[in-house]
Amino acid sequence: MTSGKHYTQAVALEYGRNKAPTVTAKGDQALARRIVEEAKRQGVYVAEDPRLLALLSRLDVGQEIPQDMFTAVAVILAWVYWLKGMQPGEEKL
């Protein structure tokens, strides 16, 4: 998740190996730009949703998203799966 083209904040999530999406990186300013650049280099989808970013930025690195954020994150994940032509579970193969 990022906050616009200048990427003043970024939060990275990982899902597939965990039972719930987990924060794997987060940062502001220069670190946010590095997170986004690396995500793009790795072919990872970068969503820009300021409201979800505000929620996710409250979490610590290594923390699973809480249940009250499942729906918001699921919408983003469903879209990413659709963009990549994948079904949930295929990332574990």
C-alpha atoms as a PDB file:
ATOM      1  CA  MET A   1       0.000   0.000   0.000  1.00  0.00           C
ATOM      2  CA  THR A   2       1.275   3.458  -0.790  1.00  0.00           C
ATOM      3  CA  SER A   3       0.133   7.051  -0.487  1.00  0.00           C
ATOM      4  CA  GLY A   4       0.504   8.390  -3.999  1.00  0.00           C
ATOM      5  CA  LYS A   5       3.079   8.687  -6.745  1.00  0.00           C
ATOM      6  CA  HIS A   6       5.608  10.343  -4.427  1.00  0.00           C
ATOM      7  CA  TYR A   7       5.340   7.409  -2.008  1.00  0.00           C
ATOM      8  CA  THR A   8       5.600   9.240   1.281  1.00  0.00           C
ATOM      9  CA  GLN A   9       4.541   6.061   3.089  1.00  0.00           C
ATOM     10  CA  ALA A  10       4.518   2.384   2.191  1.00  0.00           C
ATOM     11  CA  VAL A  11       3.478  -0.853   3.869  1.00  0.00           C
ATOM     12  CA  ALA A  12       4.326  -4.244   2.372  1.00  0.00           C
ATOM     13  CA  LEU A  13       2.199  -7.323   3.031  1.00  0.00           C
ATOM     14  CA  GLU A  14       2.944 -10.990   2.482  1.00  0.00           C
ATOM     15  CA  TYR A  15       0.253 -13.587   2.154  1.00  0.00           C
ATOM     16  CA  GLY A  16       0.358 -17.200   1.122  1.00  0.00           C
ATOM     17  CA  ARG A  17       2.818 -18.655   3.591  1.00  0.00           C
ATOM     18  CA  ASN A  18       0.953 -17.250   6.586  1.00  0.00           C
ATOM     19  CA  LYS A  19      -2.584 -17.861   7.812  1.00  0.00           C
ATOM     20  CA  ALA A  20      -3.267 -14.129   7.478  1.00  0.00           C
ATOM     21  CA  PRO A  21      -1.548 -11.311   5.568  1.00  0.00           C
ATOM     22  CA  THR A  22       1.469 -10.088   7.531  1.00  0.00           C
ATOM     23  CA  VAL A  23       3.281  -6.747   7.455  1.00  0.00           C
ATOM     24  CA  THR A  24       6.751  -7.443   6.065  1.00  0.00           C
ATOM     25  CA  ALA A  25       8.042  -3.885   5.642  1.00  0.00           C
ATOM     26  CA  LYS A  26       6.956  -0.323   6.221  1.00  0.00           C
ATOM     27  CA  GLY A  27       8.507   3.081   6.015  1.00  0.00           C
ATOM     28  CA  ASP A  28       8.249   6.777   5.267  1.00  0.00           C
ATOM     29  CA  GLN A  29       9.886   9.029   2.662  1.00  0.00           C
ATOM     30  CA  ALA A  30      13.095   7.489   1.247  1.00  0.00           C
ATOM     31  CA  LEU A  31      12.426   4.070   2.774  1.00  0.00           C
ATOM     32  CA  ALA A  32       8.895   4.097   1.331  1.00  0.00           C
ATOM     33  CA  ARG A  33      10.309   4.813  -2.114  1.00  0.00           C
ATOM     34  CA  ARG A  34      12.816   1.961  -1.733  1.00  0.00           C
ATOM     35  CA  ILE A  35      10.042  -0.447  -0.664  1.00  0.00           C
ATOM     36  CA  VAL A  36       7.952   0.490  -3.707  1.00  0.00           C
ATOM     37  CA  GLU A  37      10.912   0.329  -6.092  1.00  0.00           C
ATOM     38  CA  GLU A  38      11.856  -3.137  -4.834  1.00  0.00           C
ATOM     39  CA  ALA A  39       8.248  -4.338  -5.037  1.00  0.00           C
ATOM     40  CA  LYS A  40       8.008  -3.190  -8.645  1.00  0.00           C
ATOM     41  CA  ARG A  41      11.388  -4.744  -9.458  1.00  0.00           C
ATOM     42  CA  GLN A  42      10.115  -8.054  -8.042  1.00  0.00           C
ATOM     43  CA  GLY A  43       6.861  -7.798 -10.021  1.00  0.00           C
ATOM     44  CA  VAL A  44       4.757  -7.212  -6.916  1.00  0.00           C
ATOM     45  CA  TYR A  45       1.546  -5.252  -7.364  1.00  0.00           C
ATOM     46  CA  VAL A  46       1.548  -1.830  -5.653  1.00  0.00           C
ATOM     47  CA  ALA A  47      -1.887  -0.583  -4.533  1.00  0.00           C
ATOM     48  CA  GLU A  48      -2.532   3.049  -3.721  1.00  0.00           C
ATOM     49  CA  ASP A  49      -5.230   3.231  -1.064  1.00  0.00           C
ATOM     50  CA  PRO A  50      -4.650   6.028   1.481  1.00  0.00           C
ATOM     51  CA  ARG A  51      -7.358   4.829   3.883  1.00  0.00           C
ATOM     52  CA  LEU A  52      -6.051   1.277   4.003  1.00  0.00           C
ATOM     53  CA  LEU A  53      -2.491   2.586   4.274  1.00  0.00           C
ATOM     54  CA  ALA A  54      -3.510   4.636   7.314  1.00  0.00           C
ATOM     55  CA  LEU A  55      -4.840   1.480   8.979  1.00  0.00           C
ATOM     56  CA  LEU A  56      -1.932  -0.759   7.999  1.00  0.00           C
ATOM     57  CA  SER A  57       0.710   1.772   9.041  1.00  0.00           C
ATOM     58  CA  ARG A  58      -0.446   1.326  12.660  1.00  0.00           C
ATOM     59  CA  LEU A  59       0.779  -2.283  12.586  1.00  0.00           C
ATOM     60  CA  ASP A  60       4.300  -3.446  13.379  1.00  0.00           C
ATOM     61  CA  VAL A  61       6.540  -5.341  10.966  1.00  0.00           C
ATOM     62  CA  GLY A  62       5.893  -9.047  11.499  1.00  0.00           C
ATOM     63  CA  GLN A  63       2.346  -8.468  12.738  1.00  0.00           C
ATOM     64  CA  GLU A  64      -0.579 -10.233  11.066  1.00  0.00           C
ATOM     65  CA  ILE A  65      -3.417  -7.973  10.036  1.00  0.00           C
ATOM     66  CA  PRO A  66      -6.226  -7.998  12.597  1.00  0.00           C
ATOM     67  CA  GLN A  67      -9.594  -9.498  11.771  1.00  0.00           C
ATOM     68  CA  ASP A  68     -11.250  -6.096  11.382  1.00  0.00           C
ATOM     69  CA  MET A  69      -8.970  -5.401   8.382  1.00  0.00           C
ATOM     70  CA  PHE A  70      -9.589  -8.737   6.603  1.00  0.00           C
ATOM     71  CA  THR A  71     -12.290  -7.422   4.276  1.00  0.00           C
ATOM     72  CA  ALA A  72     -10.318  -4.377   3.116  1.00  0.00           C
ATOM     73  CA  VAL A  73      -7.169  -6.410   2.476  1.00  0.00           C
ATOM     74  CA  ALA A  74      -9.157  -9.240   0.851  1.00  0.00           C
ATOM     75  CA  VAL A  75     -10.517  -6.812  -1.747  1.00  0.00           C
ATOM     76  CA  ILE A  76      -6.971  -5.796  -2.713  1.00  0.00           C
ATOM     77  CA  LEU A  77      -5.746  -9.416  -2.730  1.00  0.00           C
ATOM     78  CA  ALA A  78      -8.694 -10.563  -4.862  1.00  0.00           C
ATOM     79  CA  TRP A  79      -7.895  -7.867  -7.406  1.00  0.00           C
ATOM     80  CA  VAL A  80      -4.210  -8.847  -7.460  1.00  0.00           C
ATOM     81  CA  TYR A  81      -5.097 -12.516  -7.992  1.00  0.00           C
ATOM     82  CA  TRP A  82      -7.421 -11.501 -10.829  1.00  0.00           C
ATOM     83  CA  LEU A  83      -4.734  -9.312 -12.450  1.00  0.00           C
ATOM     84  CA  LYS A  84      -2.243 -12.178 -12.336  1.00  0.00           C
ATOM     85  CA  GLY A  85      -4.773 -14.795 -13.495  1.00  0.00           C
ATOM     86  CA  MET A  86      -4.244 -16.780 -10.291  1.00  0.00           C
ATOM     87  CA  GLN A  87      -6.442 -18.589  -7.827  1.00  0.00           C
ATOM     88  CA  PRO A  88      -5.858 -18.436  -4.053  1.00  0.00           C
ATOM     89  CA  GLY A  89      -3.433 -21.179  -3.059  1.00  0.00           C
ATOM     90  CA  GLU A  90      -1.420 -21.109  -6.290  1.00  0.00           C
ATOM     91  CA  GLU A  91       1.214 -18.872  -4.691  1.00  0.00           C
ATOM     92  CA  LYS A  92       2.182 -21.816  -2.450  1.00  0.00           C
ATOM     93  CA  LEU A  93       3.067 -24.062  -5.404  1.00  0.00           C
END
